[in-house]
Amino acid sequence: MDDSSMGGLLGRVTGAVGPEPVGEVMVQIRGGAEHFLAHPAPGQERIEVGTVVTVVDHLPPRTGVEARARGS
C-alpha cells in the first residue's frame, strides 16, 4: 500500500487533534504502525486522545492526515 491510498484506514489519536495545535494519529500501515500529524475533518472541532478515527485524506509525503472520529 502506498501513502496515496490511506483514505479509510483506521487510526488512534495519540495527541489531541484540533485546529490548534496540530494533533497526532497512529495509523496501521505497511505492516506496522506510523505516527502522522493530523487535523480534524470539516465539521469536527477537536478529537481527544484515545479516540479511534478514520483517515479521510492524506497530504503526502508525511505532512499529515485529515481525521474524522468514528461514528460522526
PDB file of N, CA and C in Angstrom:
ATOM      1  N   MET A   1       0.859  -1.189   0.000  1.00  0.00           N
ATOM      2  CA  MET A   1       0.000   0.000   0.000  1.00  0.00           C
ATOM      3  C   MET A   1       0.888   1.228   0.000  1.00  0.00           C
ATOM      4  N   ASP A   2       0.588   2.167  -0.865  1.00  0.00           N
ATOM      5  CA  ASP A   2       1.333   3.421  -0.840  1.00  0.00           C
ATOM      6  C   ASP A   2       0.520   4.465  -0.081  1.00  0.00           C
ATOM      7  N   ASP A   3       1.166   5.583   0.254  1.00  0.00           N
ATOM      8  CA  ASP A   3       0.517   6.614   1.066  1.00  0.00           C
ATOM      9  C   ASP A   3      -0.698   7.224   0.398  1.00  0.00           C
ATOM     10  N   SER A   4      -0.795   7.143  -0.940  1.00  0.00           N
ATOM     11  CA  SER A   4      -1.919   7.776  -1.622  1.00  0.00           C
ATOM     12  C   SER A   4      -3.231   7.055  -1.361  1.00  0.00           C
ATOM     13  N   SER A   5      -3.164   5.831  -0.838  1.00  0.00           N
ATOM     14  CA  SER A   5      -4.391   5.074  -0.603  1.00  0.00           C
ATOM     15  C   SER A   5      -4.710   4.942   0.880  1.00  0.00           C
ATOM     16  N   MET A   6      -4.354   5.945   1.671  1.00  0.00           N
ATOM     17  CA  MET A   6      -4.592   5.893   3.115  1.00  0.00           C
ATOM     18  C   MET A   6      -6.034   6.181   3.497  1.00  0.00           C
ATOM     19  N   GLY A   7      -6.820   6.793   2.622  1.00  0.00           N
ATOM     20  CA  GLY A   7      -8.211   7.102   2.940  1.00  0.00           C
ATOM     21  C   GLY A   7      -8.958   5.856   3.377  1.00  0.00           C
ATOM     22  N   GLY A   8      -9.663   5.960   4.486  1.00  0.00           N
ATOM     23  CA  GLY A   8     -10.444   4.845   5.005  1.00  0.00           C
ATOM     24  C   GLY A   8      -9.726   4.024   6.056  1.00  0.00           C
ATOM     25  N   LEU A   9      -8.411   4.205   6.204  1.00  0.00           N
ATOM     26  CA  LEU A   9      -7.693   3.465   7.238  1.00  0.00           C
ATOM     27  C   LEU A   9      -8.103   3.975   8.612  1.00  0.00           C
ATOM     28  N   LEU A  10      -7.985   3.098   9.603  1.00  0.00           N
ATOM     29  CA  LEU A  10      -8.294   3.477  10.980  1.00  0.00           C
ATOM     30  C   LEU A  10      -7.015   3.872  11.696  1.00  0.00           C
ATOM     31  N   GLY A  11      -7.161   4.788  12.633  1.00  0.00           N
ATOM     32  CA  GLY A  11      -6.049   5.209  13.462  1.00  0.00           C
ATOM     33  C   GLY A  11      -6.540   5.519  14.863  1.00  0.00           C
ATOM     34  N   ARG A  12      -5.598   5.778  15.745  1.00  0.00           N
ATOM     35  CA  ARG A  12      -5.940   6.160  17.124  1.00  0.00           C
ATOM     36  C   ARG A  12      -5.212   7.456  17.430  1.00  0.00           C
ATOM     37  N   VAL A  13      -5.946   8.399  18.006  1.00  0.00           N
ATOM     38  CA  VAL A  13      -5.378   9.700  18.342  1.00  0.00           C
ATOM     39  C   VAL A  13      -4.395   9.538  19.498  1.00  0.00           C
ATOM     40  N   THR A  14      -3.153  10.000  19.287  1.00  0.00           N
ATOM     41  CA  THR A  14      -2.132   9.948  20.322  1.00  0.00           C
ATOM     42  C   THR A  14      -1.762  11.336  20.827  1.00  0.00           C
ATOM     43  N   GLY A  15      -2.235  12.366  20.144  1.00  0.00           N
ATOM     44  CA  GLY A  15      -2.067  13.759  20.548  1.00  0.00           C
ATOM     45  C   GLY A  15      -3.312  14.498  20.095  1.00  0.00           C
ATOM     46  N   ALA A  16      -4.069  15.082  21.011  1.00  0.00           N
ATOM     47  CA  ALA A  16      -5.382  15.673  20.704  1.00  0.00           C
ATOM     48  C   ALA A  16      -5.368  16.404  19.352  1.00  0.00           C
ATOM     49  N   VAL A  17      -6.373  16.118  18.524  1.00  0.00           N
ATOM     50  CA  VAL A  17      -6.482  16.679  17.182  1.00  0.00           C
ATOM     51  C   VAL A  17      -7.433  17.866  17.227  1.00  0.00           C
ATOM     52  N   GLY A  18      -6.960  19.005  16.824  1.00  0.00           N
ATOM     53  CA  GLY A  18      -7.777  20.206  16.779  1.00  0.00           C
ATOM     54  C   GLY A  18      -7.150  21.183  15.804  1.00  0.00           C
ATOM     55  N   PRO A  19      -7.821  22.276  15.573  1.00  0.00           N
ATOM     56  CA  PRO A  19      -7.262  23.258  14.655  1.00  0.00           C
ATOM     57  C   PRO A  19      -5.919  23.806  15.149  1.00  0.00           C
ATOM     58  N   GLU A  20      -5.768  23.992  16.419  1.00  0.00           N
ATOM     59  CA  GLU A  20      -4.522  24.476  17.034  1.00  0.00           C
ATOM     60  C   GLU A  20      -4.373  23.794  18.372  1.00  0.00           C
ATOM     61  N   PRO A  21      -3.294  23.193  18.703  1.00  0.00           N
ATOM     62  CA  PRO A  21      -2.206  22.858  17.797  1.00  0.00           C
ATOM     63  C   PRO A  21      -2.573  21.638  16.968  1.00  0.00           C
ATOM     64  N   VAL A  22      -1.765  21.343  15.982  1.00  0.00           N
ATOM     65  CA  VAL A  22      -1.960  20.150  15.156  1.00  0.00           C
ATOM     66  C   VAL A  22      -1.793  18.928  16.044  1.00  0.00           C
ATOM     67  N   GLY A  23      -2.615  17.910  15.837  1.00  0.00           N
ATOM     68  CA  GLY A  23      -2.554  16.706  16.649  1.00  0.00           C
ATOM     69  C   GLY A  23      -1.737  15.606  15.993  1.00  0.00           C
ATOM     70  N   GLU A  24      -1.881  14.401  16.548  1.00  0.00           N
ATOM     71  CA  GLU A  24      -1.121  13.260  16.051  1.00  0.00           C
ATOM     72  C   GLU A  24      -1.998  12.022  16.091  1.00  0.00           C
ATOM     73  N   VAL A  25      -1.877  11.204  15.032  1.00  0.00           N
ATOM     74  CA  VAL A  25      -2.641   9.968  14.918  1.00  0.00           C
ATOM     75  C   VAL A  25      -1.685   8.842  14.557  1.00  0.00           C
ATOM     76  N   MET A  26      -1.828   7.681  15.212  1.00  0.00           N
ATOM     77  CA  MET A  26      -1.067   6.496  14.856  1.00  0.00           C
ATOM     78  C   MET A  26      -1.945   5.648  13.935  1.00  0.00           C
ATOM     79  N   VAL A  27      -1.413   5.315  12.755  1.00  0.00           N
ATOM     80  CA  VAL A  27      -2.157   4.565  11.742  1.00  0.00           C
ATOM     81  C   VAL A  27      -1.423   3.265  11.454  1.00  0.00           C
ATOM     82  N   GLN A  28      -2.171   2.159  11.372  1.00  0.00           N
ATOM     83  CA  GLN A  28      -1.615   0.873  10.970  1.00  0.00           C
ATOM     84  C   GLN A  28      -1.446   0.895   9.456  1.00  0.00           C
ATOM     85  N   ILE A  29      -0.191   0.824   8.980  1.00  0.00           N
ATOM     86  CA  ILE A  29       0.088   0.897   7.553  1.00  0.00           C
ATOM     87  C   ILE A  29       1.410   0.192   7.254  1.00  0.00           C
ATOM     88  N   ARG A  30       1.502  -0.398   6.084  1.00  0.00           N
ATOM     89  CA  ARG A  30       2.720  -1.070   5.620  1.00  0.00           C
ATOM     90  C   ARG A  30       3.245  -2.104   6.607  1.00  0.00           C
ATOM     91  N   GLY A  31       2.366  -2.857   7.234  1.00  0.00           N
ATOM     92  CA  GLY A  31       2.782  -3.913   8.145  1.00  0.00           C
ATOM     93  C   GLY A  31       3.245  -3.435   9.506  1.00  0.00           C
ATOM     94  N   GLY A  32       3.039  -2.172   9.806  1.00  0.00           N
ATOM     95  CA  GLY A  32       3.428  -1.630  11.099  1.00  0.00           C
ATOM     96  C   GLY A  32       2.521  -0.490  11.483  1.00  0.00           C
ATOM     97  N   ALA A  33       2.962   0.325  12.400  1.00  0.00           N
ATOM     98  CA  ALA A  33       2.188   1.493  12.829  1.00  0.00           C
ATOM     99  C   ALA A  33       3.087   2.720  12.701  1.00  0.00           C
ATOM    100  N   GLU A  34       2.527   3.803  12.160  1.00  0.00           N
ATOM    101  CA  GLU A  34       3.280   5.039  11.980  1.00  0.00           C
ATOM    102  C   GLU A  34       2.481   6.218  12.495  1.00  0.00           C
ATOM    103  N   HIS A  35       3.191   7.207  13.040  1.00  0.00           N
ATOM    104  CA  HIS A  35       2.561   8.439  13.504  1.00  0.00           C
ATOM    105  C   HIS A  35       2.481   9.437  12.357  1.00  0.00           C
ATOM    106  N   PHE A  36       1.354  10.147  12.286  1.00  0.00           N
ATOM    107  CA  PHE A  36       1.166  11.209  11.307  1.00  0.00           C
ATOM    108  C   PHE A  36       0.634  12.432  12.022  1.00  0.00           C
ATOM    109  N   LEU A  37       1.079  13.612  11.610  1.00  0.00           N
ATOM    110  CA  LEU A  37       0.446  14.840  12.084  1.00  0.00           C
ATOM    111  C   LEU A  37      -0.986  14.812  11.571  1.00  0.00           C
ATOM    112  N   ALA A  38      -1.909  15.377  12.327  1.00  0.00           N
ATOM    113  CA  ALA A  38      -3.313  15.284  11.938  1.00  0.00           C
ATOM    114  C   ALA A  38      -4.077  16.553  12.275  1.00  0.00           C
ATOM    115  N   HIS A  39      -5.085  16.818  11.471  1.00  0.00           N
ATOM    116  CA  HIS A  39      -6.024  17.892  11.764  1.00  0.00           C
ATOM    117  C   HIS A  39      -7.427  17.340  11.544  1.00  0.00           C
ATOM    118  N   PRO A  40      -8.439  17.949  12.165  1.00  0.00           N
ATOM    119  CA  PRO A  40      -9.789  17.404  12.078  1.00  0.00           C
ATOM    120  C   PRO A  40     -10.417  17.633  10.700  1.00  0.00           C
ATOM    121  N   ALA A  41     -11.252  16.699  10.287  1.00  0.00           N
ATOM    122  CA  ALA A  41     -12.029  16.854   9.057  1.00  0.00           C
ATOM    123  C   ALA A  41     -13.051  17.967   9.261  1.00  0.00           C
ATOM    124  N   PRO A  42     -13.531  18.559   8.175  1.00  0.00           N
ATOM    125  CA  PRO A  42     -14.571  19.594   8.310  1.00  0.00           C
ATOM    126  C   PRO A  42     -15.751  19.075   9.136  1.00  0.00           C
ATOM    127  N   GLY A  43     -16.239  19.929  10.027  1.00  0.00           N
ATOM    128  CA  GLY A  43     -17.357  19.559  10.896  1.00  0.00           C
ATOM    129  C   GLY A  43     -16.917  18.977  12.225  1.00  0.00           C
ATOM    130  N   GLN A  44     -15.622  18.722  12.381  1.00  0.00           N
ATOM    131  CA  GLN A  44     -15.077  18.218  13.638  1.00  0.00           C
ATOM    132  C   GLN A  44     -14.269  19.350  14.261  1.00  0.00           C
ATOM    133  N   GLU A  45     -14.427  19.571  15.536  1.00  0.00           N
ATOM    134  CA  GLU A  45     -13.686  20.651  16.181  1.00  0.00           C
ATOM    135  C   GLU A  45     -12.446  20.136  16.892  1.00  0.00           C
ATOM    136  N   ARG A  46     -12.603  19.114  17.708  1.00  0.00           N
ATOM    137  CA  ARG A  46     -11.488  18.572  18.499  1.00  0.00           C
ATOM    138  C   ARG A  46     -11.751  17.087  18.697  1.00  0.00           C
ATOM    139  N   ILE A  47     -10.684  16.305  18.581  1.00  0.00           N
ATOM    140  CA  ILE A  47     -10.783  14.863  18.789  1.00  0.00           C
ATOM    141  C   ILE A  47      -9.779  14.507  19.874  1.00  0.00           C
ATOM    142  N   GLU A  48     -10.254  13.893  20.927  1.00  0.00           N
ATOM    143  CA  GLU A  48      -9.444  13.634  22.115  1.00  0.00           C
ATOM    144  C   GLU A  48      -8.548  12.407  21.967  1.00  0.00           C
ATOM    145  N   VAL A  49      -7.480  12.374  22.757  1.00  0.00           N
ATOM    146  CA  VAL A  49      -6.538  11.254  22.798  1.00  0.00           C
ATOM    147  C   VAL A  49      -7.298   9.957  23.084  1.00  0.00           C
ATOM    148  N   GLY A  50      -6.939   8.900  22.357  1.00  0.00           N
ATOM    149  CA  GLY A  50      -7.545   7.585  22.534  1.00  0.00           C
ATOM    150  C   GLY A  50      -8.708   7.313  21.610  1.00  0.00           C
ATOM    151  N   THR A  51      -9.242   8.344  20.952  1.00  0.00           N
ATOM    152  CA  THR A  51     -10.374   8.176  20.042  1.00  0.00           C
ATOM    153  C   THR A  51      -9.919   7.467  18.772  1.00  0.00           C
ATOM    154  N   VAL A  52     -10.710   6.487  18.329  1.00  0.00           N
ATOM    155  CA  VAL A  52     -10.449   5.817  17.055  1.00  0.00           C
ATOM    156  C   VAL A  52     -11.008   6.704  15.954  1.00  0.00           C
ATOM    157  N   VAL A  53     -10.189   6.934  14.923  1.00  0.00           N
ATOM    158  CA  VAL A  53     -10.574   7.820  13.823  1.00  0.00           C
ATOM    159  C   VAL A  53     -10.424   7.104  12.485  1.00  0.00           C
ATOM    160  N   THR A  54     -11.101   7.645  11.486  1.00  0.00           N
ATOM    161  CA  THR A  54     -10.941   7.213  10.111  1.00  0.00           C
ATOM    162  C   THR A  54     -10.142   8.275   9.374  1.00  0.00           C
ATOM    163  N   VAL A  55      -9.140   7.842   8.604  1.00  0.00           N
ATOM    164  CA  VAL A  55      -8.374   8.773   7.779  1.00  0.00           C
ATOM    165  C   VAL A  55      -9.255   9.173   6.603  1.00  0.00           C
ATOM    166  N   VAL A  56      -9.508  10.460   6.453  1.00  0.00           N
ATOM    167  CA  VAL A  56     -10.346  10.979   5.380  1.00  0.00           C
ATOM    168  C   VAL A  56      -9.495  11.367   4.186  1.00  0.00           C
ATOM    169  N   ASP A  57      -8.332  11.933   4.448  1.00  0.00           N
ATOM    170  CA  ASP A  57      -7.457  12.391   3.374  1.00  0.00           C
ATOM    171  C   ASP A  57      -6.034  12.389   3.896  1.00  0.00           C
ATOM    172  N   HIS A  58      -5.077  12.376   2.984  1.00  0.00           N
ATOM    173  CA  HIS A  58      -3.670  12.360   3.353  1.00  0.00           C
ATOM    174  C   HIS A  58      -2.935  13.398   2.515  1.00  0.00           C
ATOM    175  N   LEU A  59      -2.052  14.138   3.144  1.00  0.00           N
ATOM    176  CA  LEU A  59      -1.257  15.149   2.456  1.00  0.00           C
ATOM    177  C   LEU A  59       0.174  14.636   2.339  1.00  0.00           C
ATOM    178  N   PRO A  60       0.545  14.033   1.197  1.00  0.00           N
ATOM    179  CA  PRO A  60       1.869  13.416   1.045  1.00  0.00           C
ATOM    180  C   PRO A  60       2.994  14.434   1.152  1.00  0.00           C
ATOM    181  N   PRO A  61       4.215  14.051   1.453  1.00  0.00           N
ATOM    182  CA  PRO A  61       4.549  12.657   1.698  1.00  0.00           C
ATOM    183  C   PRO A  61       4.202  12.224   3.120  1.00  0.00           C
ATOM    184  N   ARG A  62       4.475  13.021   4.129  1.00  0.00           N
ATOM    185  CA  ARG A  62       4.083  12.666   5.501  1.00  0.00           C
ATOM    186  C   ARG A  62       3.588  13.901   6.224  1.00  0.00           C
ATOM    187  N   THR A  63       3.048  14.836   5.487  1.00  0.00           N
ATOM    188  CA  THR A  63       2.625  16.093   6.089  1.00  0.00           C
ATOM    189  C   THR A  63       1.544  15.889   7.109  1.00  0.00           C
ATOM    190  N   GLY A  64       0.617  15.002   6.846  1.00  0.00           N
ATOM    191  CA  GLY A  64      -0.421  14.755   7.833  1.00  0.00           C
ATOM    192  C   GLY A  64      -1.640  14.107   7.247  1.00  0.00           C
ATOM    193  N   VAL A  65      -2.592  13.840   8.115  1.00  0.00           N
ATOM    194  CA  VAL A  65      -3.845  13.238   7.711  1.00  0.00           C
ATOM    195  C   VAL A  65      -4.996  14.103   8.203  1.00  0.00           C
ATOM    196  N   GLU A  66      -6.098  13.985   7.526  1.00  0.00           N
ATOM    197  CA  GLU A  66      -7.351  14.604   7.957  1.00  0.00           C
ATOM    198  C   GLU A  66      -8.161  13.477   8.584  1.00  0.00           C
ATOM    199  N   ALA A  67      -8.592  13.635   9.826  1.00  0.00           N
ATOM    200  CA  ALA A  67      -9.222  12.548  10.575  1.00  0.00           C
ATOM    201  C   ALA A  67     -10.635  12.904  10.984  1.00  0.00           C
ATOM    202  N   ARG A  68     -11.488  11.899  11.005  1.00  0.00           N
ATOM    203  CA  ARG A  68     -12.866  12.042  11.471  1.00  0.00           C
ATOM    204  C   ARG A  68     -13.104  10.984  12.534  1.00  0.00           C
ATOM    205  N   ALA A  69     -13.645  11.387  13.695  1.00  0.00           N
ATOM    206  CA  ALA A  69     -13.941  10.444  14.769  1.00  0.00           C
ATOM    207  C   ALA A  69     -14.941   9.423  14.256  1.00  0.00           C
ATOM    208  N   ARG A  70     -14.737   8.169  14.593  1.00  0.00           N
ATOM    209  CA  ARG A  70     -15.631   7.096  14.167  1.00  0.00           C
ATOM    210  C   ARG A  70     -17.027   7.371  14.727  1.00  0.00           C
ATOM    211  N   GLY A  71     -18.037   7.146  13.896  1.00  0.00           N
ATOM    212  CA  GLY A  71     -19.419   7.335  14.327  1.00  0.00           C
ATOM    213  C   GLY A  71     -19.899   8.768  14.206  1.00  0.00           C
ATOM    214  N   SER A  72     -19.088   9.649  13.606  1.00  0.00           N
ATOM    215  CA  SER A  72     -19.551  11.032  13.460  1.00  0.00           C
ATOM    216  C   SER A  72     -19.436  11.488  12.016  1.00  0.00           C
TER     217      SER A  72
END
